[in-house]
Every structure is written in structure tokens, then in C-alpha cells.
Amino acid sequence: MIENEHLLTVTPHQMPAGPLVLRVTGELDHHSAPLLSRAVDDAAFDDTGVVLDLSGLTYCDSTGITVLIGAYQRSQRTGAPLILAGVNPDQMRVFTVVGLDQVFTFHPSTEAAVAALAK
């Protein structure tokens, strides 16, 4: 688990014979964004995919959105599937306003995302 004094935690979990899940908890802002950025950089983007579990995300500013877009760009470069899971309705509204609903694949839970990648 990687923590930041600015209230963000990123916990990686490799699913058996499945994707890497990065569970993001807390506030994703200009102070804490480098933490998620490092976790994304360290993640193995391969054909099993990556799930960003955002069910514990309580806040995301434009810097956090930039990190999410960076993860998307990496997934595109590597050909690895990337799914955002557990996005709460308030965050989803923001993502929709900035057009991320047209970029990312969303699932209501990590379990649903992992199941989708297994198909």
C-alpha cells in the first residue's frame, strides 16, 4: 500500500490470472496526484488489463483527471484494457461534463470490471 500525507492511498492487488486492480482511496488532487501517477507508471499494463477501483475516491480535481487520462494513454500505447470501477454519482457527473464518459469504460464495481475483462 502506498500512502500520501494528503489523504490518498493506492493499494495494488494482482487478481489471480486476471487484471491488476489499483484501489484508490481518498482525495485525488494536485498534492496527491503524483502518488497515483507513480502507481500507474509502476503497473504492468498487459493483456490482462488494469482496473482503477475508484469506489473509495472522495474528491478528484483537474490534476487527478490528468492522471486518469495519462493512465488511459498508457493503456492505448500498450494495448492493455483499462476500466474505471465504482465511480460514485457525483464524480461520474464531473467525468461526464468533461467528456471522460466517452473515453473510459466504466463498471459499477471492481467485481464487474474483473468479470468483464475475463470474457
N, C-alpha and C. Protein backbone atom coordinates (compact mmCIF):
# COMPACT_ATOMS: atom_id res chain seq x y z
N MET A 1 0.86 -1.18 0.00
CA MET A 1 0.00 0.00 0.00
C MET A 1 0.90 1.24 0.00
N ILE A 2 0.53 2.21 -0.80
CA ILE A 2 1.26 3.47 -0.88
C ILE A 2 0.34 4.55 -0.34
N GLU A 3 0.88 5.35 0.58
CA GLU A 3 0.07 6.41 1.17
C GLU A 3 0.73 7.75 0.95
N ASN A 4 -0.07 8.78 1.05
CA ASN A 4 0.40 10.15 0.91
C ASN A 4 -0.17 10.94 2.08
N GLU A 5 0.62 11.88 2.58
CA GLU A 5 0.14 12.66 3.72
C GLU A 5 -1.08 13.51 3.37
N HIS A 6 -1.41 13.60 2.09
CA HIS A 6 -2.57 14.38 1.67
C HIS A 6 -3.80 13.50 1.45
N LEU A 7 -3.90 12.44 2.23
CA LEU A 7 -5.11 11.65 2.32
C LEU A 7 -5.45 10.82 1.08
N LEU A 8 -4.43 10.29 0.41
CA LEU A 8 -4.68 9.39 -0.70
C LEU A 8 -3.92 8.09 -0.44
N THR A 9 -4.59 6.99 -0.74
CA THR A 9 -3.97 5.67 -0.64
C THR A 9 -4.22 4.96 -1.96
N VAL A 10 -3.17 4.31 -2.47
CA VAL A 10 -3.30 3.48 -3.66
C VAL A 10 -2.82 2.09 -3.27
N THR A 11 -3.71 1.12 -3.36
CA THR A 11 -3.38 -0.25 -2.98
C THR A 11 -3.46 -1.15 -4.21
N PRO A 12 -2.31 -1.65 -4.68
CA PRO A 12 -2.34 -2.57 -5.82
C PRO A 12 -2.69 -3.99 -5.38
N HIS A 13 -3.45 -4.68 -6.22
CA HIS A 13 -3.80 -6.07 -5.95
C HIS A 13 -3.87 -6.81 -7.28
N GLN A 14 -2.98 -7.77 -7.45
CA GLN A 14 -3.00 -8.58 -8.66
C GLN A 14 -4.01 -9.70 -8.50
N MET A 15 -5.02 -9.71 -9.34
CA MET A 15 -6.03 -10.76 -9.29
C MET A 15 -5.42 -12.05 -9.86
N PRO A 16 -5.69 -13.21 -9.27
CA PRO A 16 -5.16 -14.45 -9.82
C PRO A 16 -5.64 -14.64 -11.26
N ALA A 17 -4.69 -14.81 -12.15
CA ALA A 17 -5.00 -14.99 -13.58
C ALA A 17 -5.93 -13.91 -14.10
N GLY A 18 -5.75 -12.69 -13.62
CA GLY A 18 -6.62 -11.59 -14.04
C GLY A 18 -5.89 -10.26 -14.00
N PRO A 19 -6.66 -9.19 -14.01
CA PRO A 19 -6.06 -7.85 -14.09
C PRO A 19 -5.44 -7.39 -12.77
N LEU A 20 -4.64 -6.37 -12.91
CA LEU A 20 -4.14 -5.64 -11.74
C LEU A 20 -5.22 -4.66 -11.33
N VAL A 21 -5.55 -4.64 -10.04
CA VAL A 21 -6.52 -3.68 -9.51
C VAL A 21 -5.76 -2.67 -8.67
N LEU A 22 -5.93 -1.40 -8.99
CA LEU A 22 -5.38 -0.33 -8.18
C LEU A 22 -6.55 0.32 -7.45
N ARG A 23 -6.63 0.09 -6.14
CA ARG A 23 -7.71 0.66 -5.33
C ARG A 23 -7.26 2.04 -4.86
N VAL A 24 -8.01 3.06 -5.26
CA VAL A 24 -7.68 4.45 -4.95
C VAL A 24 -8.67 4.94 -3.90
N THR A 25 -8.15 5.38 -2.77
CA THR A 25 -8.99 5.83 -1.66
C THR A 25 -8.55 7.21 -1.21
N GLY A 26 -9.50 8.11 -1.04
CA GLY A 26 -9.21 9.44 -0.52
C GLY A 26 -9.35 10.53 -1.56
N GLU A 27 -8.54 11.57 -1.41
CA GLU A 27 -8.63 12.76 -2.24
C GLU A 27 -7.53 12.77 -3.29
N LEU A 28 -7.94 12.86 -4.54
CA LEU A 28 -7.00 12.91 -5.66
C LEU A 28 -6.95 14.36 -6.14
N ASP A 29 -5.90 15.04 -5.73
CA ASP A 29 -5.75 16.45 -6.08
C ASP A 29 -4.30 16.74 -6.46
N HIS A 30 -3.97 18.01 -6.61
CA HIS A 30 -2.61 18.37 -7.06
C HIS A 30 -1.53 17.94 -6.07
N HIS A 31 -1.88 17.77 -4.81
CA HIS A 31 -0.90 17.30 -3.83
C HIS A 31 -0.68 15.79 -3.93
N SER A 32 -1.74 15.05 -4.15
CA SER A 32 -1.66 13.59 -4.10
C SER A 32 -1.57 12.92 -5.46
N ALA A 33 -1.82 13.65 -6.52
CA ALA A 33 -1.81 13.06 -7.87
C ALA A 33 -0.50 12.35 -8.21
N PRO A 34 0.67 12.86 -7.79
CA PRO A 34 1.91 12.14 -8.11
C PRO A 34 1.93 10.71 -7.56
N LEU A 35 1.25 10.46 -6.46
CA LEU A 35 1.19 9.12 -5.89
C LEU A 35 0.49 8.15 -6.84
N LEU A 36 -0.67 8.54 -7.36
CA LEU A 36 -1.37 7.69 -8.32
C LEU A 36 -0.59 7.60 -9.62
N SER A 37 0.01 8.68 -10.02
CA SER A 37 0.82 8.68 -11.24
C SER A 37 1.95 7.66 -11.15
N ARG A 38 2.63 7.61 -10.00
CA ARG A 38 3.71 6.62 -9.79
C ARG A 38 3.15 5.20 -9.82
N ALA A 39 2.00 4.99 -9.19
CA ALA A 39 1.40 3.66 -9.16
C ALA A 39 1.03 3.22 -10.58
N VAL A 40 0.52 4.13 -11.39
CA VAL A 40 0.18 3.82 -12.78
C VAL A 40 1.46 3.52 -13.56
N ASP A 41 2.50 4.31 -13.34
CA ASP A 41 3.78 4.09 -14.02
C ASP A 41 4.38 2.74 -13.66
N ASP A 42 4.21 2.32 -12.41
CA ASP A 42 4.77 1.05 -11.93
C ASP A 42 3.93 -0.16 -12.34
N ALA A 43 2.68 0.07 -12.71
CA ALA A 43 1.76 -1.03 -13.02
C ALA A 43 2.14 -1.70 -14.33
N ALA A 44 1.95 -3.01 -14.34
CA ALA A 44 2.16 -3.78 -15.57
C ALA A 44 0.90 -3.67 -16.42
N PHE A 45 0.96 -2.91 -17.47
CA PHE A 45 -0.16 -2.80 -18.40
C PHE A 45 0.03 -3.90 -19.44
N ASP A 46 -0.69 -5.02 -19.24
CA ASP A 46 -0.57 -6.14 -20.17
C ASP A 46 -1.97 -6.56 -20.61
N ASP A 47 -2.04 -7.68 -21.30
CA ASP A 47 -3.33 -8.09 -21.88
C ASP A 47 -4.38 -8.49 -20.85
N THR A 48 -3.98 -8.68 -19.58
CA THR A 48 -4.99 -8.98 -18.56
C THR A 48 -5.72 -7.72 -18.11
N GLY A 49 -5.13 -6.56 -18.35
CA GLY A 49 -5.78 -5.29 -18.07
C GLY A 49 -5.50 -4.72 -16.70
N VAL A 50 -6.00 -3.50 -16.53
CA VAL A 50 -5.87 -2.77 -15.27
C VAL A 50 -7.24 -2.20 -14.91
N VAL A 51 -7.59 -2.35 -13.65
CA VAL A 51 -8.83 -1.77 -13.13
C VAL A 51 -8.45 -0.72 -12.10
N LEU A 52 -8.94 0.49 -12.30
CA LEU A 52 -8.79 1.52 -11.27
C LEU A 52 -10.08 1.52 -10.46
N ASP A 53 -9.99 1.02 -9.24
CA ASP A 53 -11.13 0.97 -8.34
C ASP A 53 -11.23 2.32 -7.65
N LEU A 54 -12.20 3.12 -8.07
CA LEU A 54 -12.37 4.47 -7.53
C LEU A 54 -13.52 4.56 -6.54
N SER A 55 -13.97 3.41 -6.03
CA SER A 55 -15.10 3.42 -5.10
C SER A 55 -14.79 4.16 -3.81
N GLY A 56 -13.51 4.27 -3.46
CA GLY A 56 -13.13 5.00 -2.26
C GLY A 56 -12.65 6.41 -2.52
N LEU A 57 -12.78 6.87 -3.77
CA LEU A 57 -12.36 8.23 -4.12
C LEU A 57 -13.38 9.23 -3.60
N THR A 58 -12.92 10.18 -2.80
CA THR A 58 -13.84 11.16 -2.23
C THR A 58 -13.78 12.51 -2.92
N TYR A 59 -12.70 12.75 -3.70
CA TYR A 59 -12.54 14.04 -4.37
C TYR A 59 -11.57 13.85 -5.52
N CYS A 60 -11.81 14.52 -6.62
CA CYS A 60 -10.89 14.47 -7.75
C CYS A 60 -10.91 15.83 -8.44
N ASP A 61 -9.75 16.49 -8.48
CA ASP A 61 -9.68 17.77 -9.18
C ASP A 61 -9.09 17.57 -10.58
N SER A 62 -8.82 18.66 -11.27
CA SER A 62 -8.34 18.56 -12.65
C SER A 62 -6.99 17.86 -12.75
N THR A 63 -6.15 17.98 -11.74
CA THR A 63 -4.87 17.28 -11.76
C THR A 63 -5.10 15.78 -11.69
N GLY A 64 -6.06 15.35 -10.90
CA GLY A 64 -6.40 13.94 -10.82
C GLY A 64 -6.95 13.43 -12.14
N ILE A 65 -7.77 14.24 -12.78
CA ILE A 65 -8.30 13.86 -14.09
C ILE A 65 -7.15 13.70 -15.09
N THR A 66 -6.15 14.57 -15.01
CA THR A 66 -4.99 14.46 -15.88
C THR A 66 -4.26 13.14 -15.67
N VAL A 67 -4.14 12.68 -14.42
CA VAL A 67 -3.51 11.39 -14.14
C VAL A 67 -4.34 10.26 -14.74
N LEU A 68 -5.65 10.33 -14.62
CA LEU A 68 -6.52 9.30 -15.21
C LEU A 68 -6.36 9.27 -16.73
N ILE A 69 -6.27 10.42 -17.35
CA ILE A 69 -6.06 10.48 -18.80
C ILE A 69 -4.69 9.89 -19.16
N GLY A 70 -3.68 10.15 -18.32
CA GLY A 70 -2.37 9.54 -18.54
C GLY A 70 -2.44 8.02 -18.49
N ALA A 71 -3.23 7.49 -17.57
CA ALA A 71 -3.42 6.03 -17.49
C ALA A 71 -4.09 5.52 -18.75
N TYR A 72 -5.08 6.27 -19.24
CA TYR A 72 -5.76 5.89 -20.48
C TYR A 72 -4.77 5.88 -21.65
N GLN A 73 -3.95 6.91 -21.73
CA GLN A 73 -2.97 6.99 -22.82
C GLN A 73 -1.99 5.83 -22.76
N ARG A 74 -1.58 5.46 -21.56
CA ARG A 74 -0.68 4.31 -21.43
C ARG A 74 -1.38 3.03 -21.86
N SER A 75 -2.63 2.88 -21.49
CA SER A 75 -3.37 1.68 -21.90
C SER A 75 -3.48 1.62 -23.43
N GLN A 76 -3.65 2.76 -24.06
CA GLN A 76 -3.74 2.79 -25.51
C GLN A 76 -2.40 2.43 -26.17
N ARG A 77 -1.31 2.94 -25.60
CA ARG A 77 0.03 2.63 -26.13
C ARG A 77 0.36 1.14 -26.00
N THR A 78 -0.04 0.53 -24.89
CA THR A 78 0.33 -0.86 -24.62
C THR A 78 -0.71 -1.86 -25.11
N GLY A 79 -1.90 -1.37 -25.43
CA GLY A 79 -2.97 -2.27 -25.84
C GLY A 79 -3.65 -2.98 -24.68
N ALA A 80 -3.35 -2.54 -23.47
CA ALA A 80 -3.94 -3.15 -22.27
C ALA A 80 -5.30 -2.51 -21.97
N PRO A 81 -6.31 -3.33 -21.70
CA PRO A 81 -7.61 -2.77 -21.32
C PRO A 81 -7.51 -2.01 -19.99
N LEU A 82 -8.25 -0.92 -19.89
CA LEU A 82 -8.31 -0.13 -18.66
C LEU A 82 -9.77 0.15 -18.36
N ILE A 83 -10.17 -0.15 -17.12
CA ILE A 83 -11.55 0.08 -16.69
C ILE A 83 -11.54 0.89 -15.40
N LEU A 84 -12.45 1.85 -15.31
CA LEU A 84 -12.68 2.57 -14.05
C LEU A 84 -13.89 1.92 -13.39
N ALA A 85 -13.74 1.58 -12.13
CA ALA A 85 -14.80 0.88 -11.41
C ALA A 85 -15.23 1.65 -10.17
N GLY A 86 -16.51 1.54 -9.85
CA GLY A 86 -17.02 2.08 -8.59
C GLY A 86 -17.06 3.59 -8.50
N VAL A 87 -17.16 4.28 -9.63
CA VAL A 87 -17.20 5.74 -9.62
C VAL A 87 -18.53 6.19 -9.02
N ASN A 88 -18.47 7.04 -8.00
CA ASN A 88 -19.71 7.48 -7.36
C ASN A 88 -20.46 8.47 -8.27
N PRO A 89 -21.75 8.66 -8.05
CA PRO A 89 -22.55 9.52 -8.94
C PRO A 89 -22.03 10.95 -9.07
N ASP A 90 -21.52 11.53 -7.98
CA ASP A 90 -21.00 12.90 -8.06
C ASP A 90 -19.78 12.98 -8.96
N GLN A 91 -18.87 12.02 -8.80
CA GLN A 91 -17.68 12.01 -9.65
C GLN A 91 -18.07 11.69 -11.09
N MET A 92 -19.02 10.81 -11.28
CA MET A 92 -19.45 10.46 -12.64
C MET A 92 -20.01 11.67 -13.34
N ARG A 93 -20.73 12.51 -12.62
CA ARG A 93 -21.27 13.74 -13.20
C ARG A 93 -20.13 14.63 -13.71
N VAL A 94 -19.07 14.76 -12.91
CA VAL A 94 -17.91 15.55 -13.32
C VAL A 94 -17.25 14.92 -14.54
N PHE A 95 -17.05 13.61 -14.50
CA PHE A 95 -16.43 12.91 -15.62
C PHE A 95 -17.25 13.09 -16.89
N THR A 96 -18.58 13.09 -16.76
CA THR A 96 -19.45 13.28 -17.92
C THR A 96 -19.32 14.70 -18.47
N VAL A 97 -19.28 15.68 -17.58
CA VAL A 97 -19.17 17.08 -18.00
C VAL A 97 -17.88 17.31 -18.81
N VAL A 98 -16.78 16.68 -18.38
CA VAL A 98 -15.50 16.88 -19.09
C VAL A 98 -15.30 15.87 -20.23
N GLY A 99 -16.29 15.00 -20.46
CA GLY A 99 -16.24 14.10 -21.59
C GLY A 99 -15.54 12.77 -21.37
N LEU A 100 -15.18 12.47 -20.12
CA LEU A 100 -14.49 11.21 -19.87
C LEU A 100 -15.40 9.99 -20.02
N ASP A 101 -16.72 10.22 -19.99
CA ASP A 101 -17.64 9.10 -20.22
C ASP A 101 -17.53 8.59 -21.65
N GLN A 102 -16.95 9.39 -22.54
CA GLN A 102 -16.73 8.99 -23.93
C GLN A 102 -15.37 8.33 -24.13
N VAL A 103 -14.52 8.39 -23.10
CA VAL A 103 -13.14 7.89 -23.21
C VAL A 103 -12.98 6.57 -22.48
N PHE A 104 -13.44 6.52 -21.25
CA PHE A 104 -13.22 5.37 -20.39
C PHE A 104 -14.37 4.36 -20.47
N THR A 105 -14.05 3.14 -20.09
CA THR A 105 -15.05 2.12 -19.85
C THR A 105 -15.29 2.10 -18.35
N PHE A 106 -16.56 2.14 -17.94
CA PHE A 106 -16.92 2.17 -16.53
C PHE A 106 -17.71 0.92 -16.17
N HIS A 107 -17.48 0.43 -14.95
CA HIS A 107 -18.30 -0.64 -14.39
C HIS A 107 -18.65 -0.24 -12.96
N PRO A 108 -19.80 -0.70 -12.47
CA PRO A 108 -20.25 -0.27 -11.15
C PRO A 108 -19.41 -0.78 -9.99
N SER A 109 -18.67 -1.87 -10.21
CA SER A 109 -17.85 -2.44 -9.13
C SER A 109 -16.60 -3.07 -9.71
N THR A 110 -15.64 -3.30 -8.84
CA THR A 110 -14.42 -3.99 -9.25
C THR A 110 -14.74 -5.39 -9.73
N GLU A 111 -15.64 -6.07 -9.04
CA GLU A 111 -16.02 -7.42 -9.42
C GLU A 111 -16.57 -7.45 -10.85
N ALA A 112 -17.42 -6.48 -11.18
CA ALA A 112 -18.00 -6.41 -12.53
C ALA A 112 -16.91 -6.12 -13.56
N ALA A 113 -15.96 -5.26 -13.21
CA ALA A 113 -14.86 -4.94 -14.12
C ALA A 113 -13.98 -6.16 -14.37
N VAL A 114 -13.64 -6.87 -13.31
CA VAL A 114 -12.81 -8.07 -13.44
C VAL A 114 -13.53 -9.12 -14.29
N ALA A 115 -14.83 -9.28 -14.06
CA ALA A 115 -15.62 -10.23 -14.85
C ALA A 115 -15.64 -9.84 -16.32
N ALA A 116 -15.76 -8.55 -16.60
CA ALA A 116 -15.79 -8.08 -17.99
C ALA A 116 -14.46 -8.36 -18.68
N LEU A 117 -13.36 -8.23 -17.96
CA LEU A 117 -12.05 -8.47 -18.55
C LEU A 117 -11.79 -9.96 -18.76
N ALA A 118 -12.50 -10.81 -18.03
CA ALA A 118 -12.31 -12.25 -18.15
C ALA A 118 -12.97 -12.81 -19.40
N LYS A 119 -13.83 -12.04 -20.02
CA LYS A 119 -14.58 -12.51 -21.22
C LYS A 119 -13.71 -12.49 -22.45
